[in-house]
């Protein structure tokens, strides 16, 4: 069960520099703990201890555990965008660039497999702040895939990104549940790219 409060959570724009740093430390702590444990095994007090703040401080910035970890996911997804910015996608065609960014996405989940399960968990969260954060995460991720498809018509990019997002999410859920191997994940995504861009 998630813990929620009737008071509004402090938004980043309302924070002083020191408060923002404290809030960032809490998010970083949530990501750090996610490397070792699953969402269900982490309590908010664990995050507070990892961040070196009081439990009440966490709830001042985040309405619930779902909200906190949704914010952590948004930050993690931003790292993928940063990776693409620092190391441009390989390939001269949209299909080649798409294959590259999908491989990078899967490798990121391989390094933090608990986050794949977390995405599935938060997708059905009822916390309004978590819902907003998951929506932002979806938009940020979709933008990365859309950028890989530069050169195609906008309507085509929109349709392809929808398919890509659904297929990627589906195979990652199966992998995180132990129903397929990581090799299967790569194979299914390669098959999808081949269908979208037949040679």
N, C-alpha and C. Protein backbone atom coordinates (compact mmCIF):
# COMPACT_ATOMS: atom_id res chain seq x y z
N UNK A 1 0.85 -1.19 0.00
CA UNK A 1 0.00 0.00 0.00
C UNK A 1 0.89 1.24 0.00
N UNK A 2 0.52 2.21 -0.81
CA UNK A 2 1.29 3.45 -0.86
C UNK A 2 0.75 4.43 0.16
N UNK A 3 1.61 5.32 0.58
CA UNK A 3 1.21 6.33 1.56
C UNK A 3 1.00 7.63 0.84
N UNK A 4 -0.14 8.25 1.05
CA UNK A 4 -0.44 9.53 0.40
C UNK A 4 -0.86 10.54 1.47
N UNK A 5 -0.76 11.81 1.12
CA UNK A 5 -1.11 12.89 2.03
C UNK A 5 -2.03 13.86 1.31
N UNK A 6 -2.80 14.60 2.09
CA UNK A 6 -3.72 15.56 1.48
C UNK A 6 -3.02 16.85 1.13
N UNK A 7 -1.87 17.13 1.74
CA UNK A 7 -1.15 18.36 1.42
C UNK A 7 -0.43 18.22 0.09
N UNK A 8 -0.26 19.34 -0.59
CA UNK A 8 0.40 19.32 -1.88
C UNK A 8 1.89 19.06 -1.71
N UNK A 9 2.44 18.30 -2.61
CA UNK A 9 3.86 18.04 -2.59
C UNK A 9 4.60 19.24 -3.17
N UNK A 10 5.72 19.60 -2.56
CA UNK A 10 6.51 20.73 -3.05
C UNK A 10 7.02 20.44 -4.45
N UNK A 11 6.77 21.34 -5.37
CA UNK A 11 7.23 21.17 -6.73
C UNK A 11 8.65 21.72 -6.86
N UNK A 12 9.42 21.19 -7.80
CA UNK A 12 10.81 21.65 -7.97
C UNK A 12 10.94 23.16 -8.12
N UNK A 13 9.99 23.80 -8.77
CA UNK A 13 10.07 25.25 -8.98
C UNK A 13 9.89 26.03 -7.69
N UNK A 14 9.35 25.38 -6.66
CA UNK A 14 9.11 26.05 -5.38
C UNK A 14 10.30 25.93 -4.43
N UNK A 15 11.32 25.20 -4.82
CA UNK A 15 12.39 24.84 -3.89
C UNK A 15 13.58 25.78 -3.96
N UNK A 16 14.21 25.94 -2.80
CA UNK A 16 15.48 26.66 -2.76
C UNK A 16 16.56 25.73 -3.31
N UNK A 17 17.75 26.27 -3.50
CA UNK A 17 18.84 25.45 -4.03
C UNK A 17 19.17 24.28 -3.10
N UNK A 18 19.17 24.53 -1.80
CA UNK A 18 19.48 23.45 -0.85
C UNK A 18 18.36 22.42 -0.80
N UNK A 19 17.11 22.87 -0.91
CA UNK A 19 15.99 21.93 -0.93
C UNK A 19 16.02 21.07 -2.19
N UNK A 20 16.35 21.69 -3.33
CA UNK A 20 16.44 20.94 -4.58
C UNK A 20 17.54 19.88 -4.48
N UNK A 21 18.66 20.26 -3.87
CA UNK A 21 19.76 19.31 -3.71
C UNK A 21 19.34 18.14 -2.82
N UNK A 22 18.57 18.43 -1.78
CA UNK A 22 18.08 17.37 -0.88
C UNK A 22 17.11 16.46 -1.61
N UNK A 23 16.24 17.06 -2.41
CA UNK A 23 15.26 16.28 -3.19
C UNK A 23 15.99 15.39 -4.19
N UNK A 24 16.99 15.94 -4.86
CA UNK A 24 17.77 15.17 -5.82
C UNK A 24 18.47 14.00 -5.14
N UNK A 25 18.94 14.24 -3.91
CA UNK A 25 19.62 13.18 -3.18
C UNK A 25 18.67 12.02 -2.88
N UNK A 26 17.42 12.35 -2.61
CA UNK A 26 16.42 11.31 -2.35
C UNK A 26 16.17 10.48 -3.62
N UNK A 27 16.06 11.16 -4.76
CA UNK A 27 15.86 10.45 -6.03
C UNK A 27 17.05 9.56 -6.34
N UNK A 28 18.25 10.10 -6.14
CA UNK A 28 19.46 9.31 -6.38
C UNK A 28 19.50 8.08 -5.47
N UNK A 29 19.06 8.24 -4.24
CA UNK A 29 19.04 7.12 -3.29
C UNK A 29 18.06 6.05 -3.76
N UNK A 30 16.91 6.46 -4.28
CA UNK A 30 15.93 5.50 -4.79
C UNK A 30 16.51 4.70 -5.96
N UNK A 31 17.21 5.38 -6.86
CA UNK A 31 17.84 4.70 -7.98
C UNK A 31 18.94 3.75 -7.51
N UNK A 32 19.71 4.20 -6.53
CA UNK A 32 20.79 3.38 -6.01
C UNK A 32 20.25 2.09 -5.39
N UNK A 33 19.20 2.20 -4.60
CA UNK A 33 18.61 1.02 -3.96
C UNK A 33 17.99 0.09 -5.00
N UNK A 34 17.50 0.66 -6.10
CA UNK A 34 16.88 -0.15 -7.15
C UNK A 34 17.89 -1.04 -7.86
N UNK A 35 19.16 -0.70 -7.76
CA UNK A 35 20.19 -1.55 -8.37
C UNK A 35 20.33 -2.87 -7.61
N UNK A 36 19.95 -2.85 -6.34
CA UNK A 36 20.16 -4.03 -5.49
C UNK A 36 18.88 -4.76 -5.14
N UNK A 37 17.76 -4.03 -5.10
CA UNK A 37 16.51 -4.63 -4.64
C UNK A 37 15.36 -4.25 -5.57
N UNK A 38 14.31 -5.05 -5.52
CA UNK A 38 13.12 -4.74 -6.31
C UNK A 38 12.28 -3.70 -5.57
N UNK A 39 11.35 -3.11 -6.28
CA UNK A 39 10.47 -2.08 -5.73
C UNK A 39 9.77 -2.56 -4.46
N UNK A 40 9.26 -3.79 -4.49
CA UNK A 40 8.52 -4.33 -3.35
C UNK A 40 9.41 -4.53 -2.12
N UNK A 41 10.71 -4.67 -2.33
CA UNK A 41 11.62 -4.91 -1.22
C UNK A 41 12.17 -3.61 -0.61
N UNK A 42 11.83 -2.49 -1.21
CA UNK A 42 12.33 -1.20 -0.73
C UNK A 42 11.22 -0.44 -0.02
N UNK A 43 11.50 0.01 1.18
CA UNK A 43 10.56 0.86 1.91
C UNK A 43 11.04 2.31 1.83
N UNK A 44 10.10 3.22 2.00
CA UNK A 44 10.46 4.63 1.92
C UNK A 44 11.50 4.98 2.99
N UNK A 45 11.41 4.35 4.15
CA UNK A 45 12.39 4.63 5.20
C UNK A 45 13.79 4.20 4.76
N UNK A 46 13.87 3.16 3.91
CA UNK A 46 15.17 2.74 3.39
C UNK A 46 15.77 3.84 2.52
N UNK A 47 14.92 4.46 1.71
CA UNK A 47 15.38 5.55 0.84
C UNK A 47 15.84 6.73 1.69
N UNK A 48 15.07 7.04 2.73
CA UNK A 48 15.43 8.14 3.61
C UNK A 48 16.80 7.90 4.24
N UNK A 49 17.01 6.68 4.71
CA UNK A 49 18.30 6.35 5.33
C UNK A 49 19.45 6.45 4.32
N UNK A 50 19.20 5.95 3.11
CA UNK A 50 20.22 5.99 2.06
C UNK A 50 20.57 7.44 1.70
N UNK A 51 19.56 8.29 1.71
CA UNK A 51 19.76 9.70 1.34
C UNK A 51 20.26 10.54 2.50
N UNK A 52 20.17 10.00 3.72
CA UNK A 52 20.60 10.76 4.89
C UNK A 52 19.64 11.85 5.28
N UNK A 53 18.33 11.60 5.09
CA UNK A 53 17.31 12.58 5.45
C UNK A 53 16.25 11.92 6.33
N UNK A 54 15.43 12.72 6.96
CA UNK A 54 14.34 12.20 7.78
C UNK A 54 13.23 11.66 6.88
N UNK A 55 12.48 10.70 7.40
CA UNK A 55 11.38 10.12 6.63
C UNK A 55 10.38 11.20 6.22
N UNK A 56 10.11 12.14 7.13
CA UNK A 56 9.17 13.21 6.81
C UNK A 56 9.64 14.08 5.66
N UNK A 57 10.95 14.19 5.51
CA UNK A 57 11.51 14.98 4.41
C UNK A 57 11.15 14.35 3.07
N UNK A 58 11.22 13.03 3.00
CA UNK A 58 10.86 12.33 1.75
C UNK A 58 9.41 12.63 1.40
N UNK A 59 8.52 12.55 2.39
CA UNK A 59 7.10 12.78 2.13
C UNK A 59 6.79 14.26 1.91
N UNK A 60 7.69 15.13 2.27
CA UNK A 60 7.49 16.55 1.94
C UNK A 60 7.65 16.77 0.44
N UNK A 61 8.54 16.02 -0.18
CA UNK A 61 8.83 16.20 -1.60
C UNK A 61 8.05 15.24 -2.50
N UNK A 62 7.61 14.12 -1.95
CA UNK A 62 6.95 13.10 -2.76
C UNK A 62 5.68 12.61 -2.08
N UNK A 63 4.60 12.54 -2.83
CA UNK A 63 3.30 12.21 -2.25
C UNK A 63 3.20 10.75 -1.82
N UNK A 64 4.03 9.89 -2.40
CA UNK A 64 3.95 8.45 -2.11
C UNK A 64 5.21 7.77 -2.60
N UNK A 65 5.34 6.53 -2.26
CA UNK A 65 6.45 5.72 -2.77
C UNK A 65 6.38 5.64 -4.30
N UNK A 66 5.17 5.48 -4.84
CA UNK A 66 5.00 5.43 -6.30
C UNK A 66 5.51 6.71 -6.94
N UNK A 67 5.14 7.85 -6.35
CA UNK A 67 5.57 9.14 -6.90
C UNK A 67 7.09 9.24 -6.90
N UNK A 68 7.71 8.88 -5.79
CA UNK A 68 9.17 8.95 -5.67
C UNK A 68 9.85 8.12 -6.75
N UNK A 69 9.42 6.87 -6.90
CA UNK A 69 10.10 6.00 -7.85
C UNK A 69 9.76 6.34 -9.30
N UNK A 70 8.59 6.94 -9.52
CA UNK A 70 8.28 7.42 -10.87
C UNK A 70 9.22 8.56 -11.24
N UNK A 71 9.51 9.44 -10.28
CA UNK A 71 10.46 10.53 -10.53
C UNK A 71 11.85 9.94 -10.80
N UNK A 72 12.20 8.89 -10.08
CA UNK A 72 13.49 8.24 -10.29
C UNK A 72 13.58 7.66 -11.70
N UNK A 73 12.49 7.09 -12.17
CA UNK A 73 12.47 6.54 -13.53
C UNK A 73 12.64 7.64 -14.57
N UNK A 74 11.99 8.78 -14.35
CA UNK A 74 12.12 9.89 -15.28
C UNK A 74 13.58 10.34 -15.37
N UNK A 75 14.24 10.40 -14.22
CA UNK A 75 15.65 10.78 -14.22
C UNK A 75 16.49 9.74 -14.96
N UNK A 76 16.18 8.48 -14.74
CA UNK A 76 16.94 7.40 -15.38
C UNK A 76 16.77 7.45 -16.89
N UNK A 77 15.54 7.70 -17.35
CA UNK A 77 15.28 7.79 -18.79
C UNK A 77 16.05 8.96 -19.39
N UNK A 78 16.17 10.05 -18.62
CA UNK A 78 16.93 11.21 -19.11
C UNK A 78 18.38 10.84 -19.37
N UNK A 79 18.87 9.84 -18.65
CA UNK A 79 20.25 9.39 -18.87
C UNK A 79 20.40 8.78 -20.26
N UNK A 80 19.36 8.09 -20.74
CA UNK A 80 19.40 7.52 -22.08
C UNK A 80 19.48 8.65 -23.11
N UNK A 81 18.68 9.68 -22.90
CA UNK A 81 18.71 10.83 -23.82
C UNK A 81 20.10 11.46 -23.81
N UNK A 82 20.69 11.56 -22.62
CA UNK A 82 22.02 12.11 -22.52
C UNK A 82 23.05 11.25 -23.22
N UNK A 83 22.88 9.93 -23.11
CA UNK A 83 23.80 9.00 -23.78
C UNK A 83 23.75 9.18 -25.28
N UNK A 84 22.55 9.35 -25.81
CA UNK A 84 22.39 9.53 -27.26
C UNK A 84 22.99 10.86 -27.70
N UNK A 85 22.84 11.88 -26.85
CA UNK A 85 23.39 13.20 -27.18
C UNK A 85 24.92 13.14 -27.22
N UNK A 86 25.50 12.46 -26.22
CA UNK A 86 26.97 12.37 -26.16
C UNK A 86 27.55 11.44 -27.21
N UNK A 87 26.80 10.38 -27.53
CA UNK A 87 27.28 9.38 -28.49
C UNK A 87 26.18 9.17 -29.54
N UNK A 88 26.19 9.96 -30.60
CA UNK A 88 25.15 9.88 -31.63
C UNK A 88 24.91 8.45 -32.11
N UNK A 89 23.67 8.20 -32.47
CA UNK A 89 23.28 6.86 -32.91
C UNK A 89 24.05 6.45 -34.15
N UNK A 90 24.42 5.18 -34.20
CA UNK A 90 25.13 4.64 -35.35
C UNK A 90 24.14 4.33 -36.46
N UNK A 91 24.55 4.58 -37.70
CA UNK A 91 23.72 4.24 -38.84
C UNK A 91 23.37 5.43 -39.70
N UNK A 92 23.22 5.17 -40.99
CA UNK A 92 22.88 6.23 -41.94
C UNK A 92 21.40 6.25 -42.27
N UNK A 93 20.67 5.23 -41.84
CA UNK A 93 19.25 5.14 -42.15
C UNK A 93 18.44 5.11 -40.85
N UNK A 94 17.14 5.46 -40.93
CA UNK A 94 16.29 5.39 -39.73
C UNK A 94 16.28 3.99 -39.11
N UNK A 95 16.26 2.95 -39.94
CA UNK A 95 16.24 1.59 -39.42
C UNK A 95 17.49 1.26 -38.62
N UNK A 96 18.64 1.67 -39.13
CA UNK A 96 19.90 1.40 -38.44
C UNK A 96 19.98 2.18 -37.13
N UNK A 97 19.52 3.44 -37.16
CA UNK A 97 19.55 4.24 -35.93
C UNK A 97 18.57 3.69 -34.90
N UNK A 98 17.40 3.24 -35.37
CA UNK A 98 16.42 2.66 -34.46
C UNK A 98 16.98 1.41 -33.80
N UNK A 99 17.62 0.55 -34.58
CA UNK A 99 18.21 -0.67 -34.02
C UNK A 99 19.23 -0.32 -32.94
N UNK A 100 20.01 0.72 -33.18
CA UNK A 100 21.04 1.12 -32.22
C UNK A 100 20.41 1.63 -30.92
N UNK A 101 19.41 2.50 -31.01
CA UNK A 101 18.83 3.05 -29.80
C UNK A 101 18.06 1.99 -29.02
N UNK A 102 17.48 1.02 -29.71
CA UNK A 102 16.80 -0.06 -29.01
C UNK A 102 17.80 -0.93 -28.27
N UNK A 103 18.95 -1.19 -28.89
CA UNK A 103 19.99 -1.97 -28.21
C UNK A 103 20.48 -1.23 -26.96
N UNK A 104 20.63 0.08 -27.07
CA UNK A 104 21.07 0.86 -25.91
C UNK A 104 20.02 0.80 -24.79
N UNK A 105 18.76 0.88 -25.17
CA UNK A 105 17.68 0.82 -24.17
C UNK A 105 17.70 -0.50 -23.43
N UNK A 106 17.82 -1.59 -24.18
CA UNK A 106 17.81 -2.91 -23.55
C UNK A 106 19.04 -3.11 -22.67
N UNK A 107 20.19 -2.64 -23.15
CA UNK A 107 21.41 -2.76 -22.33
C UNK A 107 21.25 -2.01 -21.00
N UNK A 108 20.58 -0.86 -21.04
CA UNK A 108 20.35 -0.09 -19.82
C UNK A 108 19.50 -0.89 -18.84
N UNK A 109 18.47 -1.56 -19.35
CA UNK A 109 17.63 -2.40 -18.48
C UNK A 109 18.39 -3.62 -17.99
N UNK A 110 19.28 -4.16 -18.81
CA UNK A 110 20.11 -5.28 -18.36
C UNK A 110 20.94 -4.89 -17.15
N UNK A 111 21.43 -3.66 -17.15
CA UNK A 111 22.26 -3.19 -16.05
C UNK A 111 21.44 -2.92 -14.79
N UNK A 112 20.15 -2.61 -14.98
CA UNK A 112 19.27 -2.36 -13.84
C UNK A 112 17.94 -3.09 -14.08
N UNK A 113 17.94 -4.42 -14.00
CA UNK A 113 16.73 -5.20 -14.32
C UNK A 113 15.53 -4.89 -13.43
N UNK A 114 15.78 -4.43 -12.21
CA UNK A 114 14.65 -4.10 -11.33
C UNK A 114 13.81 -2.96 -11.88
N UNK A 115 14.43 -2.12 -12.72
CA UNK A 115 13.70 -0.98 -13.27
C UNK A 115 12.68 -1.41 -14.31
N UNK A 116 12.93 -2.53 -14.97
CA UNK A 116 11.95 -3.05 -15.93
C UNK A 116 10.67 -3.45 -15.19
N UNK A 117 10.84 -4.08 -14.03
CA UNK A 117 9.67 -4.45 -13.22
C UNK A 117 9.00 -3.20 -12.66
N UNK A 118 9.81 -2.21 -12.32
CA UNK A 118 9.27 -0.98 -11.77
C UNK A 118 8.38 -0.26 -12.77
N UNK A 119 8.79 -0.24 -14.03
CA UNK A 119 7.98 0.39 -15.07
C UNK A 119 6.59 -0.25 -15.11
N UNK A 120 6.56 -1.58 -15.08
CA UNK A 120 5.28 -2.31 -15.11
C UNK A 120 4.44 -1.96 -13.89
N UNK A 121 5.07 -1.92 -12.72
CA UNK A 121 4.35 -1.61 -11.49
C UNK A 121 3.74 -0.21 -11.51
N UNK A 122 4.52 0.77 -11.93
CA UNK A 122 4.06 2.15 -11.88
C UNK A 122 3.07 2.49 -12.98
N UNK A 123 3.04 1.68 -14.02
CA UNK A 123 2.08 1.92 -15.10
C UNK A 123 0.64 1.83 -14.59
N UNK A 124 0.42 1.04 -13.55
CA UNK A 124 -0.94 0.87 -13.01
C UNK A 124 -1.12 1.62 -11.69
N UNK A 125 -0.20 2.51 -11.36
CA UNK A 125 -0.32 3.29 -10.12
C UNK A 125 -1.52 4.23 -10.19
N UNK A 126 -2.15 4.44 -9.03
CA UNK A 126 -3.28 5.39 -8.97
C UNK A 126 -2.84 6.75 -8.42
N UNK A 127 -1.57 6.88 -8.03
CA UNK A 127 -1.09 8.16 -7.51
C UNK A 127 -1.01 9.17 -8.65
N UNK A 128 -1.70 10.31 -8.53
CA UNK A 128 -1.72 11.29 -9.64
C UNK A 128 -0.34 11.82 -10.01
N UNK A 129 0.53 12.01 -9.01
CA UNK A 129 1.87 12.48 -9.31
C UNK A 129 2.66 11.41 -10.06
N UNK A 130 2.49 10.15 -9.65
CA UNK A 130 3.17 9.05 -10.33
C UNK A 130 2.67 8.94 -11.77
N UNK A 131 1.38 9.09 -11.96
CA UNK A 131 0.80 9.02 -13.31
C UNK A 131 1.40 10.10 -14.20
N UNK A 132 1.53 11.32 -13.64
CA UNK A 132 2.13 12.42 -14.40
C UNK A 132 3.57 12.11 -14.77
N UNK A 133 4.32 11.56 -13.81
CA UNK A 133 5.73 11.25 -14.05
C UNK A 133 5.89 10.14 -15.09
N UNK A 134 5.04 9.12 -15.01
CA UNK A 134 5.10 8.02 -15.99
C UNK A 134 4.77 8.55 -17.38
N UNK A 135 3.80 9.47 -17.46
CA UNK A 135 3.46 10.08 -18.74
C UNK A 135 4.66 10.86 -19.29
N UNK A 136 5.35 11.60 -18.42
CA UNK A 136 6.56 12.32 -18.86
C UNK A 136 7.65 11.35 -19.31
N UNK A 137 7.77 10.24 -18.60
CA UNK A 137 8.76 9.24 -18.98
C UNK A 137 8.44 8.67 -20.36
N UNK A 138 7.16 8.36 -20.58
CA UNK A 138 6.73 7.84 -21.88
C UNK A 138 7.05 8.84 -22.99
N UNK A 139 6.78 10.11 -22.73
CA UNK A 139 7.02 11.14 -23.73
C UNK A 139 8.51 11.29 -24.03
N UNK A 140 9.33 11.24 -22.97
CA UNK A 140 10.77 11.40 -23.15
C UNK A 140 11.34 10.22 -23.93
N UNK A 141 10.89 9.02 -23.59
CA UNK A 141 11.37 7.83 -24.29
C UNK A 141 10.94 7.84 -25.74
N UNK A 142 9.68 8.19 -25.96
CA UNK A 142 9.16 8.23 -27.33
C UNK A 142 9.93 9.24 -28.17
N UNK A 143 10.33 10.35 -27.55
CA UNK A 143 11.08 11.39 -28.28
C UNK A 143 12.43 10.85 -28.74
N UNK A 144 13.06 10.01 -27.92
CA UNK A 144 14.35 9.42 -28.30
C UNK A 144 14.18 8.54 -29.53
N UNK A 145 13.11 7.74 -29.55
CA UNK A 145 12.88 6.86 -30.70
C UNK A 145 12.48 7.67 -31.93
N UNK A 146 11.71 8.73 -31.71
CA UNK A 146 11.31 9.58 -32.84
C UNK A 146 12.53 10.23 -33.48
N UNK A 147 13.48 10.67 -32.64
CA UNK A 147 14.69 11.28 -33.17
C UNK A 147 15.48 10.30 -34.04
N UNK A 148 15.45 9.03 -33.66
CA UNK A 148 16.16 8.01 -34.43
C UNK A 148 15.55 7.85 -35.83
N UNK A 149 14.27 8.21 -35.95
CA UNK A 149 13.55 8.01 -37.21
C UNK A 149 13.53 9.26 -38.08
N UNK A 150 14.34 10.24 -37.72
CA UNK A 150 14.41 11.48 -38.50
C UNK A 150 14.65 11.17 -39.97
N UNK A 151 13.88 11.86 -40.82
CA UNK A 151 13.98 11.62 -42.26
C UNK A 151 12.70 11.05 -42.82
N UNK A 152 11.88 10.45 -41.94
CA UNK A 152 10.58 9.92 -42.36
C UNK A 152 9.51 10.99 -42.18
N UNK A 153 8.36 10.77 -42.77
CA UNK A 153 7.26 11.70 -42.60
C UNK A 153 6.78 11.67 -41.15
N UNK A 154 6.30 12.81 -40.66
CA UNK A 154 5.91 12.92 -39.25
C UNK A 154 4.84 11.91 -38.86
N UNK A 155 3.84 11.73 -39.72
CA UNK A 155 2.78 10.77 -39.41
C UNK A 155 3.31 9.35 -39.31
N UNK A 156 4.27 9.03 -40.17
CA UNK A 156 4.89 7.71 -40.14
C UNK A 156 5.69 7.51 -38.86
N UNK A 157 6.43 8.56 -38.46
CA UNK A 157 7.21 8.49 -37.22
C UNK A 157 6.29 8.26 -36.03
N UNK A 158 5.18 9.00 -35.97
CA UNK A 158 4.24 8.86 -34.85
C UNK A 158 3.69 7.45 -34.77
N UNK A 159 3.29 6.89 -35.91
CA UNK A 159 2.74 5.54 -35.93
C UNK A 159 3.79 4.51 -35.54
N UNK A 160 5.01 4.67 -36.06
CA UNK A 160 6.07 3.72 -35.75
C UNK A 160 6.45 3.77 -34.27
N UNK A 161 6.55 4.97 -33.72
CA UNK A 161 6.92 5.10 -32.32
C UNK A 161 5.89 4.40 -31.43
N UNK A 162 4.63 4.52 -31.78
CA UNK A 162 3.58 3.84 -31.00
C UNK A 162 3.81 2.33 -31.01
N UNK A 163 4.09 1.78 -32.19
CA UNK A 163 4.33 0.34 -32.30
C UNK A 163 5.60 -0.06 -31.53
N UNK A 164 6.65 0.72 -31.73
CA UNK A 164 7.93 0.44 -31.07
C UNK A 164 7.76 0.42 -29.56
N UNK A 165 7.07 1.41 -29.04
CA UNK A 165 6.91 1.54 -27.59
C UNK A 165 6.14 0.35 -27.03
N UNK A 166 5.09 -0.07 -27.75
CA UNK A 166 4.28 -1.20 -27.28
C UNK A 166 5.06 -2.51 -27.33
N UNK A 167 5.79 -2.72 -28.40
CA UNK A 167 6.56 -3.97 -28.53
C UNK A 167 7.68 -4.01 -27.51
N UNK A 168 8.42 -2.91 -27.37
CA UNK A 168 9.50 -2.87 -26.40
C UNK A 168 8.97 -3.11 -24.99
N UNK A 169 7.89 -2.43 -24.64
CA UNK A 169 7.31 -2.62 -23.31
C UNK A 169 6.86 -4.05 -23.08
N UNK A 170 6.29 -4.65 -24.12
CA UNK A 170 5.81 -6.03 -24.00
C UNK A 170 6.93 -7.03 -23.76
N UNK A 171 7.99 -6.93 -24.55
CA UNK A 171 9.08 -7.90 -24.40
C UNK A 171 9.85 -7.67 -23.10
N UNK A 172 9.95 -6.42 -22.65
CA UNK A 172 10.62 -6.16 -21.37
C UNK A 172 9.81 -6.71 -20.21
N UNK A 173 8.48 -6.64 -20.30
CA UNK A 173 7.63 -7.22 -19.25
C UNK A 173 7.81 -8.73 -19.20
N UNK A 174 7.84 -9.37 -20.36
CA UNK A 174 8.04 -10.81 -20.40
C UNK A 174 9.40 -11.20 -19.84
N UNK A 175 10.42 -10.42 -20.19
CA UNK A 175 11.76 -10.70 -19.68
C UNK A 175 11.84 -10.52 -18.17
N UNK A 176 11.26 -9.42 -17.67
CA UNK A 176 11.32 -9.15 -16.23
C UNK A 176 10.54 -10.19 -15.44
N UNK A 177 9.57 -10.83 -16.08
CA UNK A 177 8.79 -11.89 -15.42
C UNK A 177 9.47 -13.25 -15.56
N UNK A 178 10.60 -13.30 -16.28
CA UNK A 178 11.33 -14.55 -16.44
C UNK A 178 10.76 -15.48 -17.49
N UNK A 179 9.90 -14.95 -18.36
CA UNK A 179 9.24 -15.79 -19.37
C UNK A 179 10.03 -15.89 -20.67
N UNK A 180 10.91 -14.93 -20.92
CA UNK A 180 11.80 -15.01 -22.08
C UNK A 180 13.19 -14.57 -21.65
N UNK A 181 14.20 -14.91 -22.44
CA UNK A 181 15.57 -14.54 -22.10
C UNK A 181 15.90 -13.17 -22.70
N UNK A 182 17.01 -12.60 -22.26
CA UNK A 182 17.42 -11.32 -22.80
C UNK A 182 17.80 -11.47 -24.27
N UNK A 183 18.28 -12.64 -24.66
CA UNK A 183 18.57 -12.89 -26.08
C UNK A 183 17.28 -12.82 -26.89
N UNK A 184 16.20 -13.36 -26.33
CA UNK A 184 14.90 -13.29 -27.00
C UNK A 184 14.46 -11.84 -27.18
N UNK A 185 14.73 -11.01 -26.17
CA UNK A 185 14.35 -9.60 -26.25
C UNK A 185 15.03 -8.95 -27.45
N UNK A 186 16.33 -9.15 -27.57
CA UNK A 186 17.06 -8.58 -28.70
C UNK A 186 16.53 -9.13 -30.03
N UNK A 187 16.26 -10.43 -30.06
CA UNK A 187 15.78 -11.06 -31.30
C UNK A 187 14.42 -10.50 -31.72
N UNK A 188 13.51 -10.36 -30.75
CA UNK A 188 12.18 -9.83 -31.08
C UNK A 188 12.27 -8.40 -31.58
N UNK A 189 13.13 -7.61 -30.97
CA UNK A 189 13.26 -6.21 -31.40
C UNK A 189 13.92 -6.12 -32.77
N UNK A 190 14.89 -6.99 -33.04
CA UNK A 190 15.49 -7.02 -34.38
C UNK A 190 14.46 -7.41 -35.42
N UNK A 191 13.59 -8.35 -35.03
CA UNK A 191 12.53 -8.78 -35.96
C UNK A 191 11.57 -7.63 -36.25
N UNK A 192 11.24 -6.87 -35.19
CA UNK A 192 10.35 -5.72 -35.39
C UNK A 192 10.97 -4.70 -36.33
N UNK A 193 12.26 -4.39 -36.12
CA UNK A 193 12.94 -3.42 -36.98
C UNK A 193 12.94 -3.92 -38.42
N UNK A 194 13.16 -5.22 -38.60
CA UNK A 194 13.13 -5.80 -39.94
C UNK A 194 11.79 -5.68 -40.61
N UNK A 195 10.71 -5.79 -39.81
CA UNK A 195 9.38 -5.65 -40.38
C UNK A 195 9.05 -4.18 -40.71
N UNK A 196 9.54 -3.28 -39.87
CA UNK A 196 9.28 -1.85 -40.12
C UNK A 196 10.12 -1.33 -41.29
N UNK A 197 11.32 -1.92 -41.45
CA UNK A 197 12.23 -1.48 -42.51
C UNK A 197 12.73 -2.69 -43.30
N UNK A 198 11.84 -3.28 -44.10
CA UNK A 198 12.25 -4.46 -44.87
C UNK A 198 13.34 -4.11 -45.89
N UNK A 199 14.31 -4.98 -46.01
CA UNK A 199 15.42 -4.70 -46.94
C UNK A 199 15.03 -5.07 -48.37
